[in-house]
Amino acid sequence: ESGDKDTVFPGTRLEKPSNILSPSIGNLSACFPLGR
């Protein structure tokens, strides 16, 4: 979970972790429900 206006750990960067994780763990949605 991330805040869109979080300046400490910016939520705007949160989509990138999902892109990096996806190829390494296969079914991303089964393990990594991404909340915004």
All heavy atoms as atom14 arrays in JSON, in Angstrom:
{
  "sequence": "ESGDKDTVFPGTRLEKPSNILSPSIGNLSACFPLGR",
  "atom14_mask": [
    [1, 1, 1, 1, 1, 1, 1, 1, 1, 0, 0, 0, 0, 0],
    [1, 1, 1, 1, 1, 1, 0, 0, 0, 0, 0, 0, 0, 0],
    [1, 1, 1, 1, 0, 0, 0, 0, 0, 0, 0, 0, 0, 0],
    [1, 1, 1, 1, 1, 1, 1, 1, 0, 0, 0, 0, 0, 0],
    [1, 1, 1, 1, 1, 1, 1, 1, 1, 0, 0, 0, 0, 0],
    [1, 1, 1, 1, 1, 1, 1, 1, 0, 0, 0, 0, 0, 0],
    [1, 1, 1, 1, 1, 1, 1, 0, 0, 0, 0, 0, 0, 0],
    [1, 1, 1, 1, 1, 1, 1, 0, 0, 0, 0, 0, 0, 0],
    [1, 1, 1, 1, 1, 1, 1, 1, 1, 1, 1, 0, 0, 0],
    [1, 1, 1, 1, 1, 1, 1, 0, 0, 0, 0, 0, 0, 0],
    [1, 1, 1, 1, 0, 0, 0, 0, 0, 0, 0, 0, 0, 0],
    [1, 1, 1, 1, 1, 1, 1, 0, 0, 0, 0, 0, 0, 0],
    [1, 1, 1, 1, 1, 1, 1, 1, 1, 1, 1, 0, 0, 0],
    [1, 1, 1, 1, 1, 1, 1, 1, 0, 0, 0, 0, 0, 0],
    [1, 1, 1, 1, 1, 1, 1, 1, 1, 0, 0, 0, 0, 0],
    [1, 1, 1, 1, 1, 1, 1, 1, 1, 0, 0, 0, 0, 0],
    [1, 1, 1, 1, 1, 1, 1, 0, 0, 0, 0, 0, 0, 0],
    [1, 1, 1, 1, 1, 1, 0, 0, 0, 0, 0, 0, 0, 0],
    [1, 1, 1, 1, 1, 1, 1, 1, 0, 0, 0, 0, 0, 0],
    [1, 1, 1, 1, 1, 1, 1, 1, 0, 0, 0, 0, 0, 0],
    [1, 1, 1, 1, 1, 1, 1, 1, 0, 0, 0, 0, 0, 0],
    [1, 1, 1, 1, 1, 1, 0, 0, 0, 0, 0, 0, 0, 0],
    [1, 1, 1, 1, 1, 1, 1, 0, 0, 0, 0, 0, 0, 0],
    [1, 1, 1, 1, 1, 1, 0, 0, 0, 0, 0, 0, 0, 0],
    [1, 1, 1, 1, 1, 1, 1, 1, 0, 0, 0, 0, 0, 0],
    [1, 1, 1, 1, 0, 0, 0, 0, 0, 0, 0, 0, 0, 0],
    [1, 1, 1, 1, 1, 1, 1, 1, 0, 0, 0, 0, 0, 0],
    [1, 1, 1, 1, 1, 1, 1, 1, 0, 0, 0, 0, 0, 0],
    [1, 1, 1, 1, 1, 1, 0, 0, 0, 0, 0, 0, 0, 0],
    [1, 1, 1, 1, 1, 0, 0, 0, 0, 0, 0, 0, 0, 0],
    [1, 1, 1, 1, 1, 1, 0, 0, 0, 0, 0, 0, 0, 0],
    [1, 1, 1, 1, 1, 1, 1, 1, 1, 1, 1, 0, 0, 0],
    [1, 1, 1, 1, 1, 1, 1, 0, 0, 0, 0, 0, 0, 0],
    [1, 1, 1, 1, 1, 1, 1, 1, 0, 0, 0, 0, 0, 0],
    [1, 1, 1, 1, 0, 0, 0, 0, 0, 0, 0, 0, 0, 0],
    [1, 1, 1, 1, 1, 1, 1, 1, 1, 1, 1, 0, 0, 0]
  ],
  "atom14_positions": [
    [[0.84, -1.19, 0.0], [0.0, 0.0, 0.0], [0.88, 1.25, 0.0], [1.91, 1.29, 0.67], [-0.89, -0.01, 1.25], [-1.89, 1.11, 1.33], [-2.77, 0.97, 2.56], [-2.22, 0.95, 3.68], [-3.99, 0.84, 2.41], [0.0, 0.0, 0.0], [0.0, 0.0, 0.0], [0.0, 0.0, 0.0], [0.0, 0.0, 0.0], [0.0, 0.0, 0.0]],
    [[0.47, 2.24, -0.78], [1.29, 3.45, -0.87], [0.41, 4.67, -1.03], [-0.68, 4.61, -1.61], [2.24, 3.35, -2.08], [2.97, 4.54, -2.23], [0.0, 0.0, 0.0], [0.0, 0.0, 0.0], [0.0, 0.0, 0.0], [0.0, 0.0, 0.0], [0.0, 0.0, 0.0], [0.0, 0.0, 0.0], [0.0, 0.0, 0.0], [0.0, 0.0, 0.0]],
    [[0.88, 5.8, -0.51], [0.19, 7.07, -0.67], [0.7, 7.8, -1.9], [1.9, 7.92, -2.12], [0.0, 0.0, 0.0], [0.0, 0.0, 0.0], [0.0, 0.0, 0.0], [0.0, 0.0, 0.0], [0.0, 0.0, 0.0], [0.0, 0.0, 0.0], [0.0, 0.0, 0.0], [0.0, 0.0, 0.0], [0.0, 0.0, 0.0], [0.0, 0.0, 0.0]],
    [[-0.24, 8.31, -2.72], [0.16, 9.01, -3.94], [0.99, 10.25, -3.66], [1.82, 10.65, -4.47], [-1.09, 9.4, -4.75], [-1.78, 8.18, -5.35], [-1.09, 7.16, -5.54], [-2.99, 8.26, -5.61], [0.0, 0.0, 0.0], [0.0, 0.0, 0.0], [0.0, 0.0, 0.0], [0.0, 0.0, 0.0], [0.0, 0.0, 0.0], [0.0, 0.0, 0.0]],
    [[0.77, 10.87, -2.5], [1.48, 12.1, -2.17], [2.58, 11.87, -1.13], [3.05, 12.81, -0.49], [0.49, 13.16, -1.69], [-0.53, 13.56, -2.75], [-1.41, 14.7, -2.28], [-2.44, 15.06, -3.35], [-1.82, 15.52, -4.6], [0.0, 0.0, 0.0], [0.0, 0.0, 0.0], [0.0, 0.0, 0.0], [0.0, 0.0, 0.0], [0.0, 0.0, 0.0]],
    [[2.96, 10.65, -0.97], [4.06, 10.3, -0.06], [5.37, 10.74, -0.69], [5.75, 10.27, -1.76], [4.05, 8.8, 0.19], [5.13, 8.33, 1.15], [5.96, 9.15, 1.55], [5.13, 7.14, 1.49], [0.0, 0.0, 0.0], [0.0, 0.0, 0.0], [0.0, 0.0, 0.0], [0.0, 0.0, 0.0], [0.0, 0.0, 0.0], [0.0, 0.0, 0.0]],
    [[6.09, 11.65, -0.03], [7.37, 12.13, -0.55], [8.55, 11.36, 0.02], [9.67, 11.5, -0.46], [7.56, 13.62, -0.23], [7.48, 13.81, 1.2], [6.47, 14.46, -0.9], [0.0, 0.0, 0.0], [0.0, 0.0, 0.0], [0.0, 0.0, 0.0], [0.0, 0.0, 0.0], [0.0, 0.0, 0.0], [0.0, 0.0, 0.0], [0.0, 0.0, 0.0]],
    [[8.32, 10.55, 1.06], [9.4, 9.78, 1.68], [9.66, 8.5, 0.89], [10.8, 8.18, 0.51], [9.07, 9.45, 3.15], [10.22, 8.68, 3.8], [8.8, 10.73, 3.93], [0.0, 0.0, 0.0], [0.0, 0.0, 0.0], [0.0, 0.0, 0.0], [0.0, 0.0, 0.0], [0.0, 0.0, 0.0], [0.0, 0.0, 0.0], [0.0, 0.0, 0.0]],
    [[8.57, 7.76, 0.64], [8.64, 6.58, -0.23], [7.57, 6.79, -1.31], [6.44, 6.32, -1.18], [8.38, 5.29, 0.55], [9.45, 4.98, 1.55], [9.29, 5.26, 2.9], [10.65, 4.4, 1.14], [10.28, 4.97, 3.82], [11.65, 4.1, 2.05], [11.47, 4.4, 3.39], [0.0, 0.0, 0.0], [0.0, 0.0, 0.0], [0.0, 0.0, 0.0]],
    [[7.9, 7.55, -2.36], [6.9, 8.04, -3.31], [6.05, 6.95, -3.94], [6.56, 5.97, -4.49], [7.75, 8.75, -4.38], [9.03, 9.07, -3.68], [9.25, 7.96, -2.7], [0.0, 0.0, 0.0], [0.0, 0.0, 0.0], [0.0, 0.0, 0.0], [0.0, 0.0, 0.0], [0.0, 0.0, 0.0], [0.0, 0.0, 0.0], [0.0, 0.0, 0.0]],
    [[4.73, 7.14, -3.86], [3.81, 6.19, -4.47], [3.91, 6.18, -5.98], [3.55, 5.2, -6.63], [0.0, 0.0, 0.0], [0.0, 0.0, 0.0], [0.0, 0.0, 0.0], [0.0, 0.0, 0.0], [0.0, 0.0, 0.0], [0.0, 0.0, 0.0], [0.0, 0.0, 0.0], [0.0, 0.0, 0.0], [0.0, 0.0, 0.0], [0.0, 0.0, 0.0]],
    [[4.4, 7.27, -6.55], [4.53, 7.33, -8.01], [5.55, 6.33, -8.54], [5.57, 6.02, -9.73], [4.95, 8.75, -8.45], [6.15, 9.11, -7.75], [3.85, 9.74, -8.15], [0.0, 0.0, 0.0], [0.0, 0.0, 0.0], [0.0, 0.0, 0.0], [0.0, 0.0, 0.0], [0.0, 0.0, 0.0], [0.0, 0.0, 0.0], [0.0, 0.0, 0.0]],
    [[6.4, 5.82, -7.66], [7.41, 4.83, -8.06], [6.92, 3.4, -7.88], [7.65, 2.46, -8.16], [8.68, 5.01, -7.22], [9.25, 6.42, -7.25], [10.33, 6.54, -8.26], [10.95, 7.86, -8.26], [12.01, 8.2, -8.97], [12.58, 7.29, -9.74], [12.5, 9.41, -8.94], [0.0, 0.0, 0.0], [0.0, 0.0, 0.0], [0.0, 0.0, 0.0]],
    [[5.69, 3.24, -7.38], [5.26, 1.93, -6.96], [4.99, 0.98, -8.12], [5.06, -0.23, -7.96], [3.99, 2.06, -6.11], [3.58, 0.82, -5.31], [4.72, 0.37, -4.42], [2.36, 1.14, -4.47], [0.0, 0.0, 0.0], [0.0, 0.0, 0.0], [0.0, 0.0, 0.0], [0.0, 0.0, 0.0], [0.0, 0.0, 0.0], [0.0, 0.0, 0.0]],
    [[4.68, 1.5, -9.29], [4.42, 0.62, -10.41], [5.7, -0.09, -10.87], [5.66, -1.19, -11.38], [3.81, 1.4, -11.57], [2.41, 1.92, -11.25], [1.82, 2.7, -12.39], [2.53, 2.84, -13.41], [0.68, 3.17, -12.28], [0.0, 0.0, 0.0], [0.0, 0.0, 0.0], [0.0, 0.0, 0.0], [0.0, 0.0, 0.0], [0.0, 0.0, 0.0]],
    [[6.82, 0.56, -10.68], [8.08, -0.03, -11.13], [8.42, -1.32, -10.4], [8.86, -2.28, -11.02], [9.22, 0.98, -11.0], [9.07, 2.14, -11.99], [10.25, 3.09, -11.89], [10.11, 4.23, -12.91], [11.24, 5.17, -12.84], [0.0, 0.0, 0.0], [0.0, 0.0, 0.0], [0.0, 0.0, 0.0], [0.0, 0.0, 0.0], [0.0, 0.0, 0.0]],
    [[8.22, -1.4, -9.04], [8.5, -2.67, -8.39], [7.69, -3.82, -8.96], [8.19, -4.93, -9.09], [8.13, -2.39, -6.92], [8.35, -0.94, -6.76], [7.96, -0.32, -8.09], [0.0, 0.0, 0.0], [0.0, 0.0, 0.0], [0.0, 0.0, 0.0], [0.0, 0.0, 0.0], [0.0, 0.0, 0.0], [0.0, 0.0, 0.0], [0.0, 0.0, 0.0]],
    [[6.42, -3.58, -9.32], [5.61, -4.66, -9.86], [6.15, -5.13, -11.2], [6.11, -6.31, -11.52], [4.15, -4.2, -10.01], [4.05, -3.17, -10.97], [0.0, 0.0, 0.0], [0.0, 0.0, 0.0], [0.0, 0.0, 0.0], [0.0, 0.0, 0.0], [0.0, 0.0, 0.0], [0.0, 0.0, 0.0], [0.0, 0.0, 0.0], [0.0, 0.0, 0.0]],
    [[6.68, -4.21, -11.99], [7.24, -4.59, -13.28], [8.5, -5.42, -13.11], [8.79, -6.32, -13.9], [7.55, -3.34, -14.11], [6.28, -2.6, -14.51], [5.22, -3.2, -14.59], [6.4, -1.32, -14.72], [0.0, 0.0, 0.0], [0.0, 0.0, 0.0], [0.0, 0.0, 0.0], [0.0, 0.0, 0.0], [0.0, 0.0, 0.0], [0.0, 0.0, 0.0]],
    [[9.28, -5.1, -12.08], [10.52, -5.84, -11.83], [10.22, -7.22, -11.27], [10.84, -8.22, -11.62], [11.43, -5.06, -10.86], [11.85, -3.72, -11.51], [12.67, -5.87, -10.5], [12.59, -2.81, -10.55], [0.0, 0.0, 0.0], [0.0, 0.0, 0.0], [0.0, 0.0, 0.0], [0.0, 0.0, 0.0], [0.0, 0.0, 0.0], [0.0, 0.0, 0.0]],
    [[9.21, -7.3, -10.39], [8.88, -8.56, -9.74], [8.24, -9.55, -10.7], [8.47, -10.74, -10.63], [7.9, -8.3, -8.59], [8.52, -7.99, -7.23], [7.41, -7.58, -6.26], [9.28, -9.17, -6.67], [0.0, 0.0, 0.0], [0.0, 0.0, 0.0], [0.0, 0.0, 0.0], [0.0, 0.0, 0.0], [0.0, 0.0, 0.0], [0.0, 0.0, 0.0]],
    [[7.43, -9.04, -11.61], [6.59, -9.9, -12.43], [7.32, -11.03, -13.14], [6.92, -12.18, -13.05], [5.82, -9.05, -13.45], [4.96, -9.85, -14.21], [0.0, 0.0, 0.0], [0.0, 0.0, 0.0], [0.0, 0.0, 0.0], [0.0, 0.0, 0.0], [0.0, 0.0, 0.0], [0.0, 0.0, 0.0], [0.0, 0.0, 0.0], [0.0, 0.0, 0.0]],
    [[8.42, -10.75, -13.85], [9.06, -11.85, -14.56], [9.74, -12.87, -13.66], [9.98, -14.0, -14.07], [10.1, -11.14, -15.44], [10.31, -9.82, -14.81], [9.06, -9.46, -14.1], [0.0, 0.0, 0.0], [0.0, 0.0, 0.0], [0.0, 0.0, 0.0], [0.0, 0.0, 0.0], [0.0, 0.0, 0.0], [0.0, 0.0, 0.0], [0.0, 0.0, 0.0]],
    [[10.03, -12.5, -12.42], [10.78, -13.4, -11.55], [9.9, -14.34, -10.74], [10.35, -15.39, -10.3], [11.68, -12.6, -10.59], [10.89, -11.81, -9.73], [0.0, 0.0, 0.0], [0.0, 0.0, 0.0], [0.0, 0.0, 0.0], [0.0, 0.0, 0.0], [0.0, 0.0, 0.0], [0.0, 0.0, 0.0], [0.0, 0.0, 0.0], [0.0, 0.0, 0.0]],
    [[8.62, -13.98, -10.55], [7.77, -14.83, -9.73], [6.57, -15.37, -10.46], [5.73, -16.03, -9.87], [7.3, -14.07, -8.47], [6.42, -12.87, -8.87], [8.46, -13.63, -7.62], [5.83, -12.18, -7.67], [0.0, 0.0, 0.0], [0.0, 0.0, 0.0], [0.0, 0.0, 0.0], [0.0, 0.0, 0.0], [0.0, 0.0, 0.0], [0.0, 0.0, 0.0]],
    [[6.47, -15.09, -11.75], [5.39, -15.67, -12.53], [4.07, -14.97, -12.31], [3.9, -13.84, -12.69], [0.0, 0.0, 0.0], [0.0, 0.0, 0.0], [0.0, 0.0, 0.0], [0.0, 0.0, 0.0], [0.0, 0.0, 0.0], [0.0, 0.0, 0.0], [0.0, 0.0, 0.0], [0.0, 0.0, 0.0], [0.0, 0.0, 0.0], [0.0, 0.0, 0.0]],
    [[3.13, -15.65, -11.66], [1.79, -15.11, -11.47], [1.8, -14.01, -10.41], [1.67, -14.27, -9.22], [0.82, -16.22, -11.08], [-0.61, -15.72, -11.02], [-0.89, -14.56, -11.3], [-1.52, -16.62, -10.68], [0.0, 0.0, 0.0], [0.0, 0.0, 0.0], [0.0, 0.0, 0.0], [0.0, 0.0, 0.0], [0.0, 0.0, 0.0], [0.0, 0.0, 0.0]],
    [[1.96, -12.78, -10.83], [2.1, -11.66, -9.9], [0.86, -11.46, -9.07], [0.93, -11.22, -7.87], [2.42, -10.39, -10.7], [2.8, -9.14, -9.9], [4.12, -9.37, -9.18], [2.91, -7.94, -10.84], [0.0, 0.0, 0.0], [0.0, 0.0, 0.0], [0.0, 0.0, 0.0], [0.0, 0.0, 0.0], [0.0, 0.0, 0.0], [0.0, 0.0, 0.0]],
    [[-0.31, -11.56, -9.67], [-1.55, -11.26, -8.96], [-1.82, -12.24, -7.83], [-2.49, -11.91, -6.86], [-2.73, -11.26, -9.94], [-2.88, -12.52, -10.54], [0.0, 0.0, 0.0], [0.0, 0.0, 0.0], [0.0, 0.0, 0.0], [0.0, 0.0, 0.0], [0.0, 0.0, 0.0], [0.0, 0.0, 0.0], [0.0, 0.0, 0.0], [0.0, 0.0, 0.0]],
    [[-1.28, -13.45, -7.93], [-1.52, -14.45, -6.89], [-0.72, -14.17, -5.64], [-1.06, -14.65, -4.56], [-1.16, -15.84, -7.42], [0.0, 0.0, 0.0], [0.0, 0.0, 0.0], [0.0, 0.0, 0.0], [0.0, 0.0, 0.0], [0.0, 0.0, 0.0], [0.0, 0.0, 0.0], [0.0, 0.0, 0.0], [0.0, 0.0, 0.0], [0.0, 0.0, 0.0]],
    [[0.34, -13.4, -5.78], [1.24, -13.19, -4.64], [1.35, -11.73, -4.25], [1.61, -11.42, -3.1], [2.63, -13.71, -5.01], [3.94, -13.22, -3.91], [0.0, 0.0, 0.0], [0.0, 0.0, 0.0], [0.0, 0.0, 0.0], [0.0, 0.0, 0.0], [0.0, 0.0, 0.0], [0.0, 0.0, 0.0], [0.0, 0.0, 0.0], [0.0, 0.0, 0.0]],
    [[1.12, -10.85, -5.15], [1.52, -9.45, -4.96], [0.36, -8.51, -5.31], [0.42, -7.78, -6.27], [2.73, -9.18, -5.85], [3.4, -7.85, -5.64], [4.12, -7.6, -4.51], [3.31, -6.86, -6.61], [4.77, -6.38, -4.34], [3.94, -5.64, -6.44], [4.67, -5.42, -5.3], [0.0, 0.0, 0.0], [0.0, 0.0, 0.0], [0.0, 0.0, 0.0]],
    [[-0.76, -8.55, -4.54], [-1.85, -7.64, -4.83], [-1.42, -6.21, -4.57], [-1.09, -5.85, -3.44], [-2.96, -8.08, -3.85], [-2.26, -8.82, -2.77], [-1.02, -9.41, -3.38], [0.0, 0.0, 0.0], [0.0, 0.0, 0.0], [0.0, 0.0, 0.0], [0.0, 0.0, 0.0], [0.0, 0.0, 0.0], [0.0, 0.0, 0.0], [0.0, 0.0, 0.0]],
    [[-1.39, -5.39, -5.58], [-0.81, -4.06, -5.49], [-1.89, -3.04, -5.14], [-2.79, -2.79, -5.93], [-0.16, -3.69, -6.82], [0.74, -2.46, -6.85], [1.9, -2.65, -5.9], [1.23, -2.21, -8.27], [0.0, 0.0, 0.0], [0.0, 0.0, 0.0], [0.0, 0.0, 0.0], [0.0, 0.0, 0.0], [0.0, 0.0, 0.0], [0.0, 0.0, 0.0]],
    [[-1.84, -2.46, -3.94], [-2.84, -1.5, -3.51], [-2.35, -0.08, -3.68], [-1.19, 0.23, -3.47], [0.0, 0.0, 0.0], [0.0, 0.0, 0.0], [0.0, 0.0, 0.0], [0.0, 0.0, 0.0], [0.0, 0.0, 0.0], [0.0, 0.0, 0.0], [0.0, 0.0, 0.0], [0.0, 0.0, 0.0], [0.0, 0.0, 0.0], [0.0, 0.0, 0.0]],
    [[-3.23, 0.79, -4.06], [-2.9, 2.2, -4.21], [-3.93, 3.02, -3.46], [-5.13, 2.76, -3.54], [-2.92, 2.6, -5.69], [-1.86, 1.92, -6.52], [-0.46, 2.29, -6.11], [-0.22, 3.72, -6.12], [0.13, 4.42, -7.2], [0.28, 3.8, -8.36], [0.34, 5.71, -7.15], [0.0, 0.0, 0.0], [0.0, 0.0, 0.0], [0.0, 0.0, 0.0]]
  ]
}
